[in-house]
């Protein structure tokens, strides 16, 4: 049996999908780093992904500018992009910086488009970091 809250979320998602099926197209969308005409007037937010929950079709976004956390839901028609190329939702992971064009309904944010802006830095092992901090002394012996 579906809980009342889950039923309400499903109803909200269906309403958003219905509203946006008429306003979205495959035309270029104006947004961060892009030009073109937008078919919607949805706002954009920017932040860093804290975690992704693919089974619940949502992510947690940290906005540094106001130090807040946002919950962003995506829909079946949400576009996911990385350097302009379409990607799948499984391309999202913790630490990425993203821009999200969204629509709000009842306080919930539903993504129309999610653009991966910056990949998180690759973490090096502590041994690799130690090696890179000290100059190489190959061929020299101590005390000579």
C-alpha atoms as a PDB file:
ATOM      1  CA  UNK A   1       0.000   0.000   0.000  1.00  0.00           C
ATOM      2  CA  UNK A   2       1.297   3.456  -0.887  1.00  0.00           C
ATOM      3  CA  UNK A   3       1.636   5.900   1.963  1.00  0.00           C
ATOM      4  CA  UNK A   4      -0.185   9.227   1.782  1.00  0.00           C
ATOM      5  CA  UNK A   5       3.161  11.104   1.493  1.00  0.00           C
ATOM      6  CA  UNK A   6       4.367   8.843  -1.352  1.00  0.00           C
ATOM      7  CA  UNK A   7       1.023   9.237  -3.109  1.00  0.00           C
ATOM      8  CA  UNK A   8       1.274  13.024  -2.759  1.00  0.00           C
ATOM      9  CA  UNK A   9       4.823  13.015  -4.211  1.00  0.00           C
ATOM     10  CA  UNK A  10       3.679  10.848  -7.136  1.00  0.00           C
ATOM     11  CA  UNK A  11       0.760  13.187  -7.790  1.00  0.00           C
ATOM     12  CA  UNK A  12       3.096  16.194  -7.722  1.00  0.00           C
ATOM     13  CA  UNK A  13       5.520  14.490 -10.139  1.00  0.00           C
ATOM     14  CA  UNK A  14       2.667  13.688 -12.528  1.00  0.00           C
ATOM     15  CA  UNK A  15       1.455  17.307 -12.431  1.00  0.00           C
ATOM     16  CA  UNK A  16       4.968  18.621 -13.156  1.00  0.00           C
ATOM     17  CA  UNK A  17       5.379  16.112 -16.000  1.00  0.00           C
ATOM     18  CA  UNK A  18       2.017  17.132 -17.492  1.00  0.00           C
ATOM     19  CA  UNK A  19       2.823  20.866 -17.280  1.00  0.00           C
ATOM     20  CA  UNK A  20       6.289  20.492 -18.749  1.00  0.00           C
ATOM     21  CA  UNK A  21       5.431  18.071 -21.531  1.00  0.00           C
ATOM     22  CA  UNK A  22       3.965  21.077 -23.341  1.00  0.00           C
ATOM     23  CA  UNK A  23       6.851  23.454 -22.610  1.00  0.00           C
ATOM     24  CA  UNK A  24       9.939  21.300 -23.180  1.00  0.00           C
ATOM     25  CA  UNK A  25      11.433  20.554 -26.555  1.00  0.00           C
ATOM     26  CA  UNK A  26      14.679  19.334 -28.065  1.00  0.00           C
ATOM     27  CA  UNK A  27      15.617  22.932 -28.909  1.00  0.00           C
ATOM     28  CA  UNK A  28      18.719  24.366 -27.251  1.00  0.00           C
ATOM     29  CA  UNK A  29      18.042  25.658 -23.780  1.00  0.00           C
ATOM     30  CA  UNK A  30      19.591  28.803 -22.356  1.00  0.00           C
ATOM     31  CA  UNK A  31      21.538  28.142 -19.209  1.00  0.00           C
ATOM     32  CA  UNK A  32      24.972  28.328 -17.663  1.00  0.00           C
ATOM     33  CA  UNK A  33      27.557  28.338 -20.426  1.00  0.00           C
ATOM     34  CA  UNK A  34      24.987  28.135 -23.225  1.00  0.00           C
ATOM     35  CA  UNK A  35      23.142  30.344 -25.618  1.00  0.00           C
ATOM     36  CA  UNK A  36      19.790  29.798 -27.210  1.00  0.00           C
ATOM     37  CA  UNK A  37      16.187  30.406 -26.499  1.00  0.00           C
ATOM     38  CA  UNK A  38      14.618  28.777 -23.491  1.00  0.00           C
ATOM     39  CA  UNK A  39      11.174  27.279 -23.805  1.00  0.00           C
ATOM     40  CA  UNK A  40      10.633  27.613 -20.054  1.00  0.00           C
ATOM     41  CA  UNK A  41      11.349  30.325 -17.536  1.00  0.00           C
ATOM     42  CA  UNK A  42      12.464  27.950 -14.806  1.00  0.00           C
ATOM     43  CA  UNK A  43      15.220  29.212 -12.499  1.00  0.00           C
ATOM     44  CA  UNK A  44      18.713  27.700 -12.241  1.00  0.00           C
ATOM     45  CA  UNK A  45      20.632  26.810  -9.089  1.00  0.00           C
ATOM     46  CA  UNK A  46      24.283  25.831  -8.741  1.00  0.00           C
ATOM     47  CA  UNK A  47      25.932  23.641  -6.125  1.00  0.00           C
ATOM     48  CA  UNK A  48      27.874  20.514  -5.218  1.00  0.00           C
ATOM     49  CA  UNK A  49      26.286  17.075  -5.046  1.00  0.00           C
ATOM     50  CA  UNK A  50      26.398  15.704  -1.483  1.00  0.00           C
ATOM     51  CA  UNK A  51      24.750  12.386  -2.352  1.00  0.00           C
ATOM     52  CA  UNK A  52      22.682  10.730  -5.070  1.00  0.00           C
ATOM     53  CA  UNK A  53      19.824   8.285  -4.514  1.00  0.00           C
ATOM     54  CA  UNK A  54      19.036   6.818  -7.960  1.00  0.00           C
ATOM     55  CA  UNK A  55      16.298   4.489  -6.718  1.00  0.00           C
ATOM     56  CA  UNK A  56      14.409   7.492  -5.329  1.00  0.00           C
ATOM     57  CA  UNK A  57      15.326   9.666  -8.341  1.00  0.00           C
ATOM     58  CA  UNK A  58      16.767  12.416  -6.170  1.00  0.00           C
ATOM     59  CA  UNK A  59      19.983  14.090  -5.091  1.00  0.00           C
ATOM     60  CA  UNK A  60      21.129  16.309  -2.248  1.00  0.00           C
ATOM     61  CA  UNK A  61      22.717  19.551  -3.409  1.00  0.00           C
ATOM     62  CA  UNK A  62      24.866  21.840  -1.253  1.00  0.00           C
ATOM     63  CA  UNK A  63      24.702  25.517  -2.235  1.00  0.00           C
ATOM     64  CA  UNK A  64      27.864  27.275  -1.055  1.00  0.00           C
ATOM     65  CA  UNK A  65      26.502  30.782  -1.672  1.00  0.00           C
ATOM     66  CA  UNK A  66      23.947  30.496   1.120  1.00  0.00           C
ATOM     67  CA  UNK A  67      25.290  27.342   2.845  1.00  0.00           C
ATOM     68  CA  UNK A  68      22.054  25.382   2.388  1.00  0.00           C
ATOM     69  CA  UNK A  69      21.149  21.866   1.347  1.00  0.00           C
ATOM     70  CA  UNK A  70      18.499  21.328  -1.335  1.00  0.00           C
ATOM     71  CA  UNK A  71      16.705  18.137  -2.302  1.00  0.00           C
ATOM     72  CA  UNK A  72      16.333  17.862  -6.068  1.00  0.00           C
ATOM     73  CA  UNK A  73      14.053  15.254  -7.658  1.00  0.00           C
ATOM     74  CA  UNK A  74      14.337  14.283 -11.298  1.00  0.00           C
ATOM     75  CA  UNK A  75      11.641  13.105 -13.680  1.00  0.00           C
ATOM     76  CA  UNK A  76      11.641  10.699 -16.623  1.00  0.00           C
ATOM     77  CA  UNK A  77      12.033  13.628 -19.045  1.00  0.00           C
ATOM     78  CA  UNK A  78      14.817  15.389 -17.080  1.00  0.00           C
ATOM     79  CA  UNK A  79      17.858  16.016 -19.285  1.00  0.00           C
ATOM     80  CA  UNK A  80      21.298  15.151 -17.922  1.00  0.00           C
ATOM     81  CA  UNK A  81      24.270  16.778 -19.648  1.00  0.00           C
ATOM     82  CA  UNK A  82      28.036  16.737 -19.328  1.00  0.00           C
ATOM     83  CA  UNK A  83      29.959  19.150 -21.598  1.00  0.00           C
ATOM     84  CA  UNK A  84      26.836  19.441 -23.758  1.00  0.00           C
ATOM     85  CA  UNK A  85      26.496  15.704 -24.339  1.00  0.00           C
ATOM     86  CA  UNK A  86      23.475  13.819 -23.043  1.00  0.00           C
ATOM     87  CA  UNK A  87      24.354  11.432 -20.216  1.00  0.00           C
ATOM     88  CA  UNK A  88      22.358   9.118 -17.985  1.00  0.00           C
ATOM     89  CA  UNK A  89      21.447   9.776 -14.341  1.00  0.00           C
ATOM     90  CA  UNK A  90      24.082   7.245 -13.261  1.00  0.00           C
ATOM     91  CA  UNK A  91      26.723   9.809 -14.355  1.00  0.00           C
ATOM     92  CA  UNK A  92      25.871  11.798 -11.200  1.00  0.00           C
ATOM     93  CA  UNK A  93      28.022  11.247  -8.131  1.00  0.00           C
ATOM     94  CA  UNK A  94      29.150  12.920  -4.943  1.00  0.00           C
ATOM     95  CA  UNK A  95      31.435  15.932  -5.275  1.00  0.00           C
ATOM     96  CA  UNK A  96      30.364  17.033  -8.750  1.00  0.00           C
ATOM     97  CA  UNK A  97      29.412  20.655  -9.247  1.00  0.00           C
ATOM     98  CA  UNK A  98      26.159  20.942 -11.147  1.00  0.00           C
ATOM     99  CA  UNK A  99      23.695  23.515 -12.428  1.00  0.00           C
ATOM    100  CA  UNK A 100      20.046  22.555 -12.173  1.00  0.00           C
ATOM    101  CA  UNK A 101      17.116  24.087 -14.003  1.00  0.00           C
ATOM    102  CA  UNK A 102      14.086  23.271 -11.900  1.00  0.00           C
ATOM    103  CA  UNK A 103      10.391  23.727 -11.390  1.00  0.00           C
ATOM    104  CA  UNK A 104       8.845  23.999  -7.935  1.00  0.00           C
ATOM    105  CA  UNK A 105       5.597  22.566  -6.709  1.00  0.00           C
ATOM    106  CA  UNK A 106       4.559  22.639  -3.069  1.00  0.00           C
ATOM    107  CA  UNK A 107       8.119  23.316  -1.907  1.00  0.00           C
ATOM    108  CA  UNK A 108       9.573  20.369  -3.845  1.00  0.00           C
ATOM    109  CA  UNK A 109      12.121  21.016  -6.590  1.00  0.00           C
ATOM    110  CA  UNK A 110      11.901  18.959  -9.782  1.00  0.00           C
ATOM    111  CA  UNK A 111      14.807  19.120 -12.239  1.00  0.00           C
ATOM    112  CA  UNK A 112      14.115  19.904 -15.869  1.00  0.00           C
ATOM    113  CA  UNK A 113      17.823  19.766 -16.728  1.00  0.00           C
ATOM    114  CA  UNK A 114      20.945  18.868 -14.762  1.00  0.00           C
ATOM    115  CA  UNK A 115      24.292  20.020 -16.156  1.00  0.00           C
ATOM    116  CA  UNK A 116      27.475  18.520 -14.732  1.00  0.00           C
ATOM    117  CA  UNK A 117      29.823  21.503 -14.599  1.00  0.00           C
ATOM    118  CA  UNK A 118      32.938  20.225 -12.830  1.00  0.00           C
ATOM    119  CA  UNK A 119      34.072  16.729 -11.930  1.00  0.00           C
ATOM    120  CA  UNK A 120      35.404  16.317  -8.379  1.00  0.00           C
ATOM    121  CA  UNK A 121      39.204  16.249  -8.100  1.00  0.00           C
ATOM    122  CA  UNK A 122      40.791  12.815  -8.201  1.00  0.00           C
ATOM    123  CA  UNK A 123      42.040  11.872  -4.762  1.00  0.00           C
ATOM    124  CA  UNK A 124      45.614  10.679  -4.707  1.00  0.00           C
ATOM    125  CA  UNK A 125      46.848   8.149  -2.193  1.00  0.00           C
ATOM    126  CA  UNK A 126      48.823   9.531   0.752  1.00  0.00           C
ATOM    127  CA  UNK A 127      51.935   7.647  -0.479  1.00  0.00           C
ATOM    128  CA  UNK A 128      51.657   9.349  -3.880  1.00  0.00           C
ATOM    129  CA  UNK A 129      51.271  12.717  -2.164  1.00  0.00           C
ATOM    130  CA  UNK A 130      54.384  12.117  -0.020  1.00  0.00           C
ATOM    131  CA  UNK A 131      56.403  11.151  -3.105  1.00  0.00           C
ATOM    132  CA  UNK A 132      55.312  14.296  -4.946  1.00  0.00           C
ATOM    133  CA  UNK A 133      56.292  16.555  -2.019  1.00  0.00           C
ATOM    134  CA  UNK A 134      59.925  15.404  -1.869  1.00  0.00           C
ATOM    135  CA  UNK A 135      62.379  15.819  -4.736  1.00  0.00           C
ATOM    136  CA  UNK A 136      63.830  12.700  -6.239  1.00  0.00           C
ATOM    137  CA  UNK A 137      67.335  11.866  -4.991  1.00  0.00           C
ATOM    138  CA  UNK A 138      68.081   8.944  -7.230  1.00  0.00           C
ATOM    139  CA  UNK A 139      71.768   8.344  -7.847  1.00  0.00           C
ATOM    140  CA  UNK A 140      72.959  10.313  -4.781  1.00  0.00           C
ATOM    141  CA  UNK A 141      73.997   8.756  -1.504  1.00  0.00           C
ATOM    142  CA  UNK A 142      73.641  10.485   1.833  1.00  0.00           C
ATOM    143  CA  UNK A 143      76.884  11.610   3.517  1.00  0.00           C
ATOM    144  CA  UNK A 144      79.069  11.872   0.379  1.00  0.00           C
END
